C-alpha atoms as a PDB file:
ATOM      1  CA  MET A   1      -0.073   0.163   0.200  1.00  0.00           C
ATOM      2  CA  VAL A   2       2.626   2.344   0.858  1.00  0.00           C
ATOM      3  CA  ALA A   3       4.990   1.438  -1.754  1.00  0.00           C
ATOM      4  CA  ALA A   4       2.427   1.726  -4.121  1.00  0.00           C
ATOM      5  CA  GLY A   5       1.206   5.069  -2.769  1.00  0.00           C
ATOM      6  CA  GLY A   6       4.547   6.728  -3.213  1.00  0.00           C
ATOM      7  CA  LYS A   7       5.137   5.159  -6.412  1.00  0.00           C
ATOM      8  CA  SER A   8       1.634   6.886  -7.742  1.00  0.00           C
ATOM      9  CA  VAL A   9       3.139  10.409  -6.061  1.00  0.00           C
ATOM     10  CA  VAL A  10       6.302  10.008  -7.845  1.00  0.00           C
ATOM     11  CA  GLY A  11       4.410   9.287 -11.035  1.00  0.00           C
ATOM     12  CA  ARG A  12       2.052  12.177 -10.713  1.00  0.00           C
ATOM     13  CA  LEU A  13       5.301  14.753 -10.125  1.00  0.00           C
ATOM     14  CA  GLU A  14       6.891  12.925 -13.155  1.00  0.00           C
ATOM     15  CA  ARG A  15       4.004  13.908 -15.050  1.00  0.00           C
ATOM     16  CA  VAL A  16       4.083  17.363 -14.104  1.00  0.00           C
ATOM     17  CA  VAL A  17       7.618  17.951 -14.734  1.00  0.00           C
ATOM     18  CA  ASP A  18       6.822  16.365 -18.404  1.00  0.00           C
ATOM     19  CA  ASP A  19       4.177  18.401 -18.783  1.00  0.00           C
ATOM     20  CA  VAL A  20       6.276  21.768 -18.004  1.00  0.00           C
ATOM     21  CA  LEU A  21       9.208  20.940 -20.012  1.00  0.00           C
ATOM     22  CA  ARG A  22       6.844  19.644 -22.879  1.00  0.00           C
ATOM     23  CA  ARG A  23       5.191  23.138 -22.721  1.00  0.00           C
ATOM     24  CA  ARG A  24       1.583  21.690 -21.449  1.00  0.00           C
ATOM     25  CA  ILE A  25       0.858  24.035 -18.850  1.00  0.00           C
ATOM     26  CA  PRO A  26      -0.096  21.762 -15.770  1.00  0.00           C
ATOM     27  CA  GLY A  27      -2.992  22.564 -13.377  1.00  0.00           C
ATOM     28  CA  ALA A  28      -5.949  22.841 -15.351  1.00  0.00           C
ATOM     29  CA  GLY A  29      -9.193  20.995 -14.546  1.00  0.00           C
ATOM     30  CA  ARG A  30     -10.513  19.316 -11.724  1.00  0.00           C
ATOM     31  CA  GLN A  31      -7.008  18.157 -10.048  1.00  0.00           C
ATOM     32  CA  ALA A  32      -5.669  22.116 -10.283  1.00  0.00           C
ATOM     33  CA  ALA A  33      -5.251  22.480  -6.235  1.00  0.00           C
ATOM     34  CA  GLY A  34      -3.182  19.199  -6.239  1.00  0.00           C
ATOM     35  CA  THR A  35      -0.970  19.801  -9.012  1.00  0.00           C
ATOM     36  CA  THR A  36      -0.461  23.081  -8.010  1.00  0.00           C
ATOM     37  CA  ARG A  37       0.551  21.772  -4.292  1.00  0.00           C
ATOM     38  CA  ARG A  38       2.737  18.966  -5.762  1.00  0.00           C
ATOM     39  CA  LEU A  39       4.402  21.347  -8.174  1.00  0.00           C
ATOM     40  CA  SER A  40       5.170  24.215  -5.281  1.00  0.00           C
ATOM     41  CA  LEU A  41       6.736  21.203  -3.430  1.00  0.00           C
ATOM     42  CA  LEU A  42       8.722  19.891  -6.224  1.00  0.00           C
ATOM     43  CA  LEU A  43      10.079  23.591  -7.265  1.00  0.00           C
ATOM     44  CA  LEU A  44      10.913  24.335  -3.572  1.00  0.00           C
ATOM     45  CA  CYS A  45      13.170  20.952  -3.492  1.00  0.00           C
ATOM     46  CA  LEU A  46      14.915  21.805  -6.502  1.00  0.00           C
ATOM     47  CA  ALA A  47      15.807  25.178  -6.137  1.00  0.00           C
ATOM     48  CA  MET A  48      17.280  24.271  -2.483  1.00  0.00           C
ATOM     49  CA  GLY A  49      19.235  21.408  -4.320  1.00  0.00           C
ATOM     50  CA  TYR A  50      20.922  23.780  -6.710  1.00  0.00           C
ATOM     51  CA  GLY A  51      21.263  26.311  -3.723  1.00  0.00           C
ATOM     52  CA  ALA A  52      22.882  23.465  -1.492  1.00  0.00           C
ATOM     53  CA  CYS A  53      25.494  23.050  -4.732  1.00  0.00           C
ATOM     54  CA  MET A  54      25.857  26.708  -5.427  1.00  0.00           C
ATOM     55  CA  GLY A  55      26.829  26.662  -1.837  1.00  0.00           C
ATOM     56  CA  SER A  56      29.185  24.024  -1.871  1.00  0.00           C
ATOM     57  CA  PHE A  57      32.238  25.921  -3.254  1.00  0.00           C
ATOM     58  CA  SER A  58      34.868  25.812  -1.488  1.00  0.00           C
ATOM     59  CA  GLY A  59      38.412  26.953  -3.127  1.00  0.00           C
ATOM     60  CA  GLU A  60      41.434  25.565  -1.944  1.00  0.00           C
ATOM     61  CA  ALA A  61      40.021  25.434   1.711  1.00  0.00           C
ATOM     62  CA  TYR A  62      37.393  22.700   3.354  1.00  0.00           C
ATOM     63  CA  PRO A  63      33.554  22.902   2.161  1.00  0.00           C
ATOM     64  CA  ARG A  64      31.698  25.170   4.838  1.00  0.00           C
ATOM     65  CA  ALA A  65      28.529  23.609   5.943  1.00  0.00           C
ATOM     66  CA  TRP A  66      26.664  26.609   6.804  1.00  0.00           C
ATOM     67  CA  GLN A  67      27.477  27.840   3.627  1.00  0.00           C
ATOM     68  CA  VAL A  68      25.735  25.109   1.759  1.00  0.00           C
ATOM     69  CA  LEU A  69      22.627  25.288   4.085  1.00  0.00           C
ATOM     70  CA  TYR A  70      22.201  29.108   3.847  1.00  0.00           C
ATOM     71  CA  SER A  71      22.423  29.204   0.138  1.00  0.00           C
ATOM     72  CA  ALA A  72      20.035  26.193   0.263  1.00  0.00           C
ATOM     73  CA  ILE A  73      17.393  28.187   1.695  1.00  0.00           C
ATOM     74  CA  LYS A  74      18.272  31.623  -0.090  1.00  0.00           C
ATOM     75  CA  THR A  75      17.682  30.157  -3.551  1.00  0.00           C
ATOM     76  CA  PRO A  76      14.133  29.306  -3.551  1.00  0.00           C
ATOM     77  CA  LEU A  77      13.713  32.808  -1.558  1.00  0.00           C
ATOM     78  CA  LEU A  78      15.335  34.284  -4.335  1.00  0.00           C
ATOM     79  CA  LEU A  79      12.864  32.886  -6.748  1.00  0.00           C
ATOM     80  CA  LEU A  80       9.970  32.969  -4.919  1.00  0.00           C
ATOM     81  CA  ALA A  81       9.993  36.582  -3.415  1.00  0.00           C
ATOM     82  CA  THR A  82      10.976  37.768  -7.297  1.00  0.00           C
ATOM     83  CA  PHE A  83       7.895  36.284  -8.347  1.00  0.00           C
ATOM     84  CA  ALA A  84       5.616  37.615  -5.987  1.00  0.00           C
ATOM     85  CA  ILE A  85       7.428  41.250  -5.928  1.00  0.00           C
ATOM     86  CA  ALA A  86       6.902  40.882 -10.117  1.00  0.00           C
ATOM     87  CA  LEU A  87       3.205  39.569  -9.914  1.00  0.00           C
ATOM     88  CA  PRO A  88       0.738  42.696  -8.440  1.00  0.00           C
ATOM     89  CA  SER A  89       2.274  44.642 -11.131  1.00  0.00           C
ATOM     90  CA  PHE A  90       1.356  41.777 -14.111  1.00  0.00           C
ATOM     91  CA  VAL A  91      -2.325  41.892 -12.381  1.00  0.00           C
ATOM     92  CA  VAL A  92      -2.583  45.305 -12.686  1.00  0.00           C
ATOM     93  CA  LEU A  93      -1.290  46.163 -16.279  1.00  0.00           C
ATOM     94  CA  ASN A  94      -3.560  42.935 -17.472  1.00  0.00           C
ATOM     95  CA  THR A  95      -6.340  44.534 -15.983  1.00  0.00           C
ATOM     96  CA  LEU A  96      -5.530  48.142 -17.290  1.00  0.00           C
ATOM     97  CA  LEU A  97      -5.314  46.212 -20.754  1.00  0.00           C
ATOM     98  CA  GLY A  98      -8.663  44.505 -20.638  1.00  0.00           C
ATOM     99  CA  LEU A  99      -6.962  41.154 -20.350  1.00  0.00           C
ATOM    100  CA  ARG A 100      -8.610  40.120 -17.085  1.00  0.00           C
ATOM    101  CA  ASP A 101     -10.673  37.401 -18.427  1.00  0.00           C
ATOM    102  CA  ASP A 102      -8.034  35.554 -19.382  1.00  0.00           C
ATOM    103  CA  LEU A 103      -5.560  36.293 -15.872  1.00  0.00           C
ATOM    104  CA  ARG A 104      -5.972  32.909 -14.619  1.00  0.00           C
ATOM    105  CA  GLN A 105      -4.539  31.370 -18.300  1.00  0.00           C
ATOM    106  CA  ALA A 106      -1.840  33.958 -18.286  1.00  0.00           C
ATOM    107  CA  LEU A 107      -0.876  33.192 -14.574  1.00  0.00           C
ATOM    108  CA  ARG A 108      -0.289  29.531 -15.368  1.00  0.00           C
ATOM    109  CA  ALA A 109       1.695  30.304 -18.458  1.00  0.00           C
ATOM    110  CA  VAL A 110       3.675  32.451 -16.468  1.00  0.00           C
ATOM    111  CA  ALA A 111       4.101  29.809 -13.325  1.00  0.00           C
ATOM    112  CA  ALA A 112       4.894  27.313 -15.639  1.00  0.00           C
ATOM    113  CA  SER A 113       7.501  29.117 -17.069  1.00  0.00           C
ATOM    114  CA  GLN A 114       9.230  29.884 -13.575  1.00  0.00           C
ATOM    115  CA  ALA A 115       8.988  26.041 -12.971  1.00  0.00           C
ATOM    116  CA  GLY A 116      10.860  25.439 -16.294  1.00  0.00           C
ATOM    117  CA  LEU A 117      13.549  28.077 -15.103  1.00  0.00           C
ATOM    118  CA  THR A 118      13.919  25.992 -11.786  1.00  0.00           C
ATOM    119  CA  MET A 119      14.005  22.663 -13.709  1.00  0.00           C
ATOM    120  CA  VAL A 120      16.538  23.646 -16.268  1.00  0.00           C
ATOM    121  CA  LEU A 121      18.444  25.501 -13.276  1.00  0.00           C
ATOM    122  CA  VAL A 122      18.659  22.118 -10.986  1.00  0.00           C
ATOM    123  CA  SER A 123      19.831  19.978 -14.346  1.00  0.00           C
ATOM    124  CA  LEU A 124      22.399  22.214 -14.403  1.00  0.00           C
ATOM    125  CA  ALA A 125      23.889  21.572 -11.100  1.00  0.00           C
ATOM    126  CA  PRO A 126      26.309  18.372 -12.127  1.00  0.00           C
ATOM    127  CA  PHE A 127      28.208  20.936 -14.436  1.00  0.00           C
ATOM    128  CA  THR A 128      28.311  23.304 -11.425  1.00  0.00           C
ATOM    129  CA  LEU A 129      29.957  20.977  -9.471  1.00  0.00           C
ATOM    130  CA  PHE A 130      32.580  19.840 -11.957  1.00  0.00           C
ATOM    131  CA  TRP A 131      33.477  23.633 -12.463  1.00  0.00           C
ATOM    132  CA  TYR A 132      33.983  23.780  -8.837  1.00  0.00           C
ATOM    133  CA  ALA A 133      36.475  20.848  -8.765  1.00  0.00           C
ATOM    134  CA  CYS A 134      38.589  21.913 -11.758  1.00  0.00           C
ATOM    135  CA  SER A 135      38.993  25.268 -10.488  1.00  0.00           C
ATOM    136  CA  PRO A 136      39.655  27.278  -7.337  1.00  0.00           C
ATOM    137  CA  SER A 137      38.828  30.612  -8.309  1.00  0.00           C
ATOM    138  CA  TYR A 138      36.207  32.436  -6.146  1.00  0.00           C
ATOM    139  CA  ARG A 139      35.251  34.913  -9.146  1.00  0.00           C
ATOM    140  CA  ALA A 140      35.250  32.026 -11.692  1.00  0.00           C
ATOM    141  CA  ALA A 141      32.695  30.077  -9.608  1.00  0.00           C
ATOM    142  CA  THR A 142      30.708  33.539  -9.666  1.00  0.00           C
ATOM    143  CA  LEU A 143      30.955  34.113 -13.125  1.00  0.00           C
ATOM    144  CA  PHE A 144      29.862  30.302 -14.040  1.00  0.00           C
ATOM    145  CA  ASN A 145      26.822  30.224 -11.558  1.00  0.00           C
ATOM    146  CA  ALA A 146      25.811  33.657 -13.218  1.00  0.00           C
ATOM    147  CA  ALA A 147      26.043  31.859 -16.706  1.00  0.00           C
ATOM    148  CA  MET A 148      23.934  29.101 -15.204  1.00  0.00           C
ATOM    149  CA  PHE A 149      21.301  31.174 -14.338  1.00  0.00           C
ATOM    150  CA  ALA A 150      21.382  32.797 -17.599  1.00  0.00           C
ATOM    151  CA  ILE A 151      20.825  29.831 -19.392  1.00  0.00           C
ATOM    152  CA  ALA A 152      18.090  28.967 -16.794  1.00  0.00           C
ATOM    153  CA  GLY A 153      16.557  32.303 -17.610  1.00  0.00           C
ATOM    154  CA  PHE A 154      16.570  32.058 -21.085  1.00  0.00           C
ATOM    155  CA  SER A 155      14.801  28.955 -20.942  1.00  0.00           C
ATOM    156  CA  GLY A 156      12.010  30.060 -18.654  1.00  0.00           C
ATOM    157  CA  GLN A 157      11.723  32.836 -21.292  1.00  0.00           C
ATOM    158  CA  TYR A 158      11.183  30.359 -24.500  1.00  0.00           C
ATOM    159  CA  LEU A 159       8.871  28.075 -22.070  1.00  0.00           C
ATOM    160  CA  LEU A 160       7.210  31.441 -21.452  1.00  0.00           C
ATOM    161  CA  HIS A 161       6.998  32.368 -25.404  1.00  0.00           C
ATOM    162  CA  GLU A 162       5.301  28.972 -25.991  1.00  0.00           C
ATOM    163  CA  ASN A 163       2.757  29.214 -23.723  1.00  0.00           C
ATOM    164  CA  TYR A 164       1.389  32.355 -24.579  1.00  0.00           C
ATOM    165  CA  ARG A 165       0.988  31.145 -28.124  1.00  0.00           C
ATOM    166  CA  ALA A 166      -2.895  30.754 -27.854  1.00  0.00           C
ATOM    167  CA  LEU A 167      -3.003  33.918 -25.528  1.00  0.00           C
ATOM    168  CA  ALA A 168      -1.114  35.992 -28.105  1.00  0.00           C
ATOM    169  CA  ALA A 169      -3.137  34.165 -31.005  1.00  0.00           C
ATOM    170  CA  LYS A 170      -6.114  35.565 -29.006  1.00  0.00           C
ATOM    171  CA  ASN A 171      -5.089  38.956 -28.282  1.00  0.00           C
ATOM    172  CA  PRO A 172      -2.162  40.555 -29.469  1.00  0.00           C
ATOM    173  CA  ARG A 173      -1.878  43.031 -26.003  1.00  0.00           C
ATOM    174  CA  HIS A 174      -0.855  39.371 -24.591  1.00  0.00           C
ATOM    175  CA  THR A 175       2.379  39.829 -26.227  1.00  0.00           C
ATOM    176  CA  PHE A 176       3.059  43.194 -24.626  1.00  0.00           C
ATOM    177  CA  MET A 177       1.987  41.845 -21.232  1.00  0.00           C
ATOM    178  CA  ARG A 178       4.729  38.798 -21.939  1.00  0.00           C
ATOM    179  CA  ARG A 179       7.534  41.037 -22.591  1.00  0.00           C
ATOM    180  CA  ALA A 180       6.366  43.331 -19.443  1.00  0.00           C
ATOM    181  CA  TRP A 181       6.774  40.363 -17.655  1.00  0.00           C
ATOM    182  CA  LEU A 182      10.199  39.283 -18.445  1.00  0.00           C
ATOM    183  CA  GLY A 183      11.218  42.659 -17.967  1.00  0.00           C
ATOM    184  CA  VAL A 184       9.959  43.261 -15.014  1.00  0.00           C
ATOM    185  CA  TYR A 185      11.184  39.921 -13.711  1.00  0.00           C
ATOM    186  CA  ALA A 186      14.297  40.638 -14.469  1.00  0.00           C
ATOM    187  CA  PHE A 187      14.861  43.994 -13.110  1.00  0.00           C
ATOM    188  CA  VAL A 188      13.372  42.884  -9.857  1.00  0.00           C
ATOM    189  CA  GLY A 189      15.702  39.422  -9.766  1.00  0.00           C
ATOM    190  CA  ILE A 190      18.877  41.061 -10.438  1.00  0.00           C
ATOM    191  CA  GLN A 191      18.181  43.364  -7.391  1.00  0.00           C
ATOM    192  CA  MET A 192      17.059  40.671  -5.053  1.00  0.00           C
ATOM    193  CA  GLY A 193      19.779  38.324  -5.939  1.00  0.00           C
ATOM    194  CA  TRP A 194      22.264  41.463  -4.733  1.00  0.00           C
ATOM    195  CA  VAL A 195      20.230  41.713  -1.420  1.00  0.00           C
ATOM    196  CA  LEU A 196      20.029  37.903  -0.624  1.00  0.00           C
ATOM    197  CA  ARG A 197      24.035  37.710  -1.463  1.00  0.00           C
ATOM    198  CA  PRO A 198      26.243  36.043  -0.966  1.00  0.00           C
ATOM    199  CA  PHE A 199      24.988  32.607  -2.469  1.00  0.00           C
ATOM    200  CA  ILE A 200      28.367  31.281  -3.252  1.00  0.00           C
ATOM    201  CA  GLY A 201      30.222  32.778  -0.165  1.00  0.00           C
ATOM    202  CA  ASP A 202      34.178  33.925  -0.808  1.00  0.00           C
ATOM    203  CA  PRO A 203      36.080  31.336   1.212  1.00  0.00           C
ATOM    204  CA  LYS A 204      38.507  34.084   2.397  1.00  0.00           C
ATOM    205  CA  MET A 205      35.647  35.424   4.107  1.00  0.00           C
ATOM    206  CA  PRO A 206      33.541  34.363   7.638  1.00  0.00           C
ATOM    207  CA  VAL A 207      30.026  32.658   6.497  1.00  0.00           C
ATOM    208  CA  THR A 208      27.330  35.047   6.738  1.00  0.00           C
ATOM    209  CA  PHE A 209      23.545  34.914   5.839  1.00  0.00           C
ATOM    210  CA  PHE A 210      23.561  38.627   4.583  1.00  0.00           C
ATOM    211  CA  ARG A 211      26.461  40.911   3.408  1.00  0.00           C
ATOM    212  CA  ALA A 212      26.573  44.066   5.815  1.00  0.00           C
ATOM    213  CA  GLU A 213      25.569  46.000   2.910  1.00  0.00           C
ATOM    214  CA  ALA A 214      22.761  43.891   1.559  1.00  0.00           C
ATOM    215  CA  TRP A 215      20.243  46.719   0.701  1.00  0.00           C
ATOM    216  CA  ASP A 216      22.818  48.616  -1.238  1.00  0.00           C
ATOM    217  CA  ASN A 217      21.033  49.378  -5.088  1.00  0.00           C
ATOM    218  CA  ALA A 218      22.607  47.009  -7.579  1.00  0.00           C
ATOM    219  CA  TYR A 219      22.273  49.003 -10.177  1.00  0.00           C
ATOM    220  CA  VAL A 220      23.862  52.143  -8.371  1.00  0.00           C
ATOM    221  CA  ILE A 221      27.052  49.716  -7.476  1.00  0.00           C
ATOM    222  CA  VAL A 222      27.314  48.409 -11.379  1.00  0.00           C
ATOM    223  CA  GLY A 223      26.705  52.114 -12.475  1.00  0.00           C
ATOM    224  CA  GLN A 224      29.412  53.027 -10.338  1.00  0.00           C
ATOM    225  CA  ILE A 225      31.900  49.956 -11.489  1.00  0.00           C
ATOM    226  CA  ILE A 226      31.042  51.197 -14.967  1.00  0.00           C
ATOM    227  CA  TRP A 227      31.962  54.959 -14.453  1.00  0.00           C
ATOM    228  CA  GLY A 228      34.942  54.215 -12.463  1.00  0.00           C
ATOM    229  CA  ALA A 229      36.330  51.743 -15.324  1.00  0.00           C
ATOM    230  CA  ILE A 230      35.519  54.726 -17.794  1.00  0.00           C
ATOM    231  CA  VAL A 231      37.175  57.411 -15.793  1.00  0.00           C
ATOM    232  CA  GLY A 232      40.098  55.213 -14.857  1.00  0.00           C
ATOM    233  CA  ASP A 233      39.517  55.317 -11.091  1.00  0.00           C
END
């Protein structure tokens, strides 16, 4: 009984993953609530898995268990907080553009793309671990993880484009909303990632959950770095 029940749960999770990656939006019909719960739990575990992988960088030092734990907590927090902050403006803009009747379908499309992003990200974890084994450089580890998030982000963008096909065919204004979501999500995500850092942790520095200057503005800092490079400071 237990084995059969466990096998049934695994089978349902596999179907959810397959639906997302094959661009079939899960969560429609009578079992929408159950599917949403399973998908949320799955994504939480996947995001924690990649976070733990990301925090396992140690350079030439010994692995730091607290950094692994902190990163495992903060990675799903990064994805969830970014989604939650970007969502209200998405709902309001859909309403202002007269797209409220399609809002439920649009939200499912956005949530499915977020799910796909997380699935792709965790699938890249073995490459991250391999990179850590090959290079002790903290800067290189940071850039490599940025590349992994970029790949996952582009994958999520592709899935959103595909999931929005029916909506865009129904009303061209949905194309604008898809692009608006991507812009807002990226803008919020960059700042949220800056606030929640470090995710990797410099082995030469003590392990902390947040940096002391966590609430700095990421865009101001980047602008200062670029300006300093231009004027030669």
